[in-house]
């Protein structure tokens, strides 16, 4: 058997095996849900939000490096603010008032409300997943870009949360980032 025949045979075997294991074609809904879940509570390529904030005290959530960077609490508050506001828009509900100063979406964090903001983080991310699950294709086609950007925005800030925790010494590398 020459090299070309062997290559064709190998390719045919690979394609045959692939076609037997083939999953259903992804849909816009399934892709968006996968993105939202991977930043919420499903560990895949990176640490999800629930893991990133797990076990953190209010004092640790308030810690900053003294160089002008945000605390974990500020980052979580910011994620909750924008996820909630975007979800209100997606649902056609009135949005929270916003004067255009994005600093306020970080700086209104109150350490006394740390446990509540962690709960709100989980709730708004769950609510986003439910909203996408319940949306029809037309709604998703109109909003897919914003939903995808929400997932990206969340992933970006979750990475910052993990970094802050590493700098602080409160990150357990067994949770996903060594």
Protein backbone atom coordinates (compact mmCIF):
# COMPACT_ATOMS: atom_id res chain seq x y z
CA UNK A 1 0.00 0.00 0.00
CA UNK A 2 1.49 3.34 -0.99
CA UNK A 3 1.46 6.50 1.13
CA UNK A 4 -1.47 8.07 -0.75
CA UNK A 5 -3.64 4.98 -0.32
CA UNK A 6 -2.75 4.81 3.35
CA UNK A 7 -3.59 8.51 3.80
CA UNK A 8 -6.96 8.04 2.05
CA UNK A 9 -7.73 5.03 4.22
CA UNK A 10 -6.81 6.95 7.38
CA UNK A 11 -8.91 9.93 6.33
CA UNK A 12 -11.90 7.68 5.53
CA UNK A 13 -11.59 6.00 8.95
CA UNK A 14 -11.36 9.38 10.71
CA UNK A 15 -14.40 10.75 8.89
CA UNK A 16 -16.35 7.58 9.62
CA UNK A 17 -15.53 7.79 13.32
CA UNK A 18 -16.37 11.50 13.35
CA UNK A 19 -19.74 11.01 11.69
CA UNK A 20 -20.68 8.35 14.25
CA UNK A 21 -19.86 10.68 17.16
CA UNK A 22 -21.25 13.85 15.61
CA UNK A 23 -23.34 15.99 17.93
CA UNK A 24 -26.39 17.92 16.80
CA UNK A 25 -25.56 21.15 15.02
CA UNK A 26 -25.20 24.05 17.44
CA UNK A 27 -27.84 26.73 17.47
CA UNK A 28 -27.52 30.40 18.28
CA UNK A 29 -29.28 29.68 21.57
CA UNK A 30 -26.97 26.80 22.49
CA UNK A 31 -23.85 28.84 21.71
CA UNK A 32 -25.02 31.84 23.74
CA UNK A 33 -26.01 29.62 26.67
CA UNK A 34 -22.63 27.89 26.59
CA UNK A 35 -20.90 31.28 26.76
CA UNK A 36 -23.09 32.49 29.62
CA UNK A 37 -22.72 29.28 31.63
CA UNK A 38 -18.94 29.15 31.23
CA UNK A 39 -18.66 32.55 32.91
CA UNK A 40 -21.24 31.72 35.57
CA UNK A 41 -20.83 28.28 37.10
CA UNK A 42 -19.48 25.81 34.54
CA UNK A 43 -15.69 25.50 34.63
CA UNK A 44 -14.34 24.98 31.13
CA UNK A 45 -11.58 27.07 29.61
CA UNK A 46 -11.37 29.44 32.57
CA UNK A 47 -12.63 29.98 36.08
CA UNK A 48 -16.35 30.86 36.28
CA UNK A 49 -17.69 33.65 38.49
CA UNK A 50 -19.07 31.44 41.25
CA UNK A 51 -15.67 29.82 41.71
CA UNK A 52 -13.82 33.14 41.46
CA UNK A 53 -15.68 34.64 44.44
CA UNK A 54 -16.15 31.47 46.46
CA UNK A 55 -14.99 31.67 50.07
CA UNK A 56 -13.97 35.32 49.92
CA UNK A 57 -14.69 37.43 53.00
CA UNK A 58 -15.99 41.00 52.83
CA UNK A 59 -12.60 42.21 54.06
CA UNK A 60 -10.80 40.29 51.29
CA UNK A 61 -13.34 41.53 48.72
CA UNK A 62 -12.50 45.12 49.71
CA UNK A 63 -8.72 44.73 49.40
CA UNK A 64 -6.86 46.74 46.76
CA UNK A 65 -3.21 46.70 45.78
CA UNK A 66 -2.86 50.43 46.47
CA UNK A 67 -2.02 51.14 42.82
CA UNK A 68 -5.47 52.30 41.74
CA UNK A 69 -6.74 48.88 40.66
CA UNK A 70 -10.20 47.69 41.59
CA UNK A 71 -11.02 45.36 44.45
CA UNK A 72 -12.84 42.08 43.88
CA UNK A 73 -15.94 43.66 45.41
CA UNK A 74 -15.81 46.56 42.97
CA UNK A 75 -15.40 44.18 40.03
CA UNK A 76 -18.33 42.03 41.15
CA UNK A 77 -20.50 45.10 41.69
CA UNK A 78 -19.62 46.26 38.16
CA UNK A 79 -20.50 42.89 36.61
CA UNK A 80 -23.83 42.78 38.45
CA UNK A 81 -24.65 46.34 37.44
CA UNK A 82 -24.06 45.79 33.72
CA UNK A 83 -25.54 42.30 33.58
CA UNK A 84 -28.69 43.53 35.32
CA UNK A 85 -28.99 46.63 33.14
CA UNK A 86 -28.47 44.64 29.93
CA UNK A 87 -30.99 42.03 31.06
CA UNK A 88 -33.56 44.76 31.72
CA UNK A 89 -33.01 46.04 28.18
CA UNK A 90 -33.27 42.50 26.73
CA UNK A 91 -36.58 41.94 28.54
CA UNK A 92 -37.94 45.36 27.53
CA UNK A 93 -38.05 46.53 31.15
CA UNK A 94 -37.11 49.99 32.41
CA UNK A 95 -33.37 50.21 32.97
CA UNK A 96 -31.64 51.56 36.02
CA UNK A 97 -30.71 55.21 35.59
CA UNK A 98 -27.17 55.70 34.27
CA UNK A 99 -25.50 59.09 33.96
CA UNK A 100 -22.66 57.82 31.76
CA UNK A 101 -20.02 57.66 34.51
CA UNK A 102 -18.77 54.07 34.40
CA UNK A 103 -16.65 54.68 37.54
CA UNK A 104 -19.87 54.61 39.56
CA UNK A 105 -20.47 51.04 38.43
CA UNK A 106 -17.33 50.08 40.35
CA UNK A 107 -17.24 52.58 43.18
CA UNK A 108 -20.67 52.00 44.69
CA UNK A 109 -19.52 48.72 46.22
CA UNK A 110 -20.25 48.46 49.95
CA UNK A 111 -18.31 45.78 51.86
CA UNK A 112 -21.23 45.45 54.31
CA UNK A 113 -23.27 44.09 51.41
CA UNK A 114 -20.66 41.61 50.13
CA UNK A 115 -22.77 38.50 50.72
CA UNK A 116 -25.76 40.15 49.05
CA UNK A 117 -23.76 41.18 45.97
CA UNK A 118 -22.37 37.64 45.60
CA UNK A 119 -25.94 36.35 45.70
CA UNK A 120 -26.99 38.98 43.15
CA UNK A 121 -24.14 37.91 40.88
CA UNK A 122 -25.39 34.34 40.85
CA UNK A 123 -29.01 35.48 40.44
CA UNK A 124 -28.42 37.83 37.50
CA UNK A 125 -26.32 35.25 35.70
CA UNK A 126 -29.01 32.62 36.29
CA UNK A 127 -31.66 35.07 35.10
CA UNK A 128 -29.68 35.70 31.90
CA UNK A 129 -29.53 31.97 31.20
CA UNK A 130 -33.28 31.61 31.79
CA UNK A 131 -34.01 34.60 29.54
CA UNK A 132 -31.95 33.15 26.70
CA UNK A 133 -33.47 29.69 27.19
CA UNK A 134 -36.95 31.21 26.93
CA UNK A 135 -36.24 33.54 24.02
CA UNK A 136 -37.34 32.75 20.49
CA UNK A 137 -34.95 32.76 17.55
CA UNK A 138 -36.02 36.22 16.36
CA UNK A 139 -35.25 37.78 19.77
CA UNK A 140 -31.87 36.06 19.88
CA UNK A 141 -31.00 37.21 16.36
CA UNK A 142 -31.76 40.79 17.40
CA UNK A 143 -29.70 40.57 20.59
CA UNK A 144 -26.98 37.99 19.96
CA UNK A 145 -24.13 40.51 19.77
CA UNK A 146 -24.94 42.14 23.09
CA UNK A 147 -25.40 38.75 24.78
CA UNK A 148 -22.07 37.51 23.41
CA UNK A 149 -20.39 40.70 24.62
CA UNK A 150 -21.88 40.18 28.08
CA UNK A 151 -20.17 36.80 28.24
CA UNK A 152 -16.88 38.32 27.07
CA UNK A 153 -17.20 41.24 29.51
CA UNK A 154 -17.87 38.82 32.37
CA UNK A 155 -14.90 36.63 31.42
CA UNK A 156 -12.61 39.68 31.30
CA UNK A 157 -13.57 40.86 34.78
CA UNK A 158 -13.56 37.35 36.24
CA UNK A 159 -9.96 37.10 35.07
CA UNK A 160 -9.26 40.33 36.94
CA UNK A 161 -10.93 38.91 40.05
CA UNK A 162 -8.68 35.85 39.97
CA UNK A 163 -5.64 38.07 39.40
CA UNK A 164 -6.53 40.31 42.36
CA UNK A 165 -7.00 37.24 44.54
CA UNK A 166 -3.63 35.89 43.43
CA UNK A 167 -1.98 39.22 44.26
CA UNK A 168 -3.74 39.23 47.61
CA UNK A 169 -2.78 35.64 48.38
CA UNK A 170 -6.39 34.48 48.76
CA UNK A 171 -6.55 32.37 45.58
CA UNK A 172 -6.43 28.59 45.78
CA UNK A 173 -4.66 27.39 42.60
CA UNK A 174 -6.52 24.09 42.85
CA UNK A 175 -9.60 26.02 41.72
CA UNK A 176 -8.25 26.38 38.23
CA UNK A 177 -5.47 28.91 37.73
CA UNK A 178 -2.05 28.02 39.01
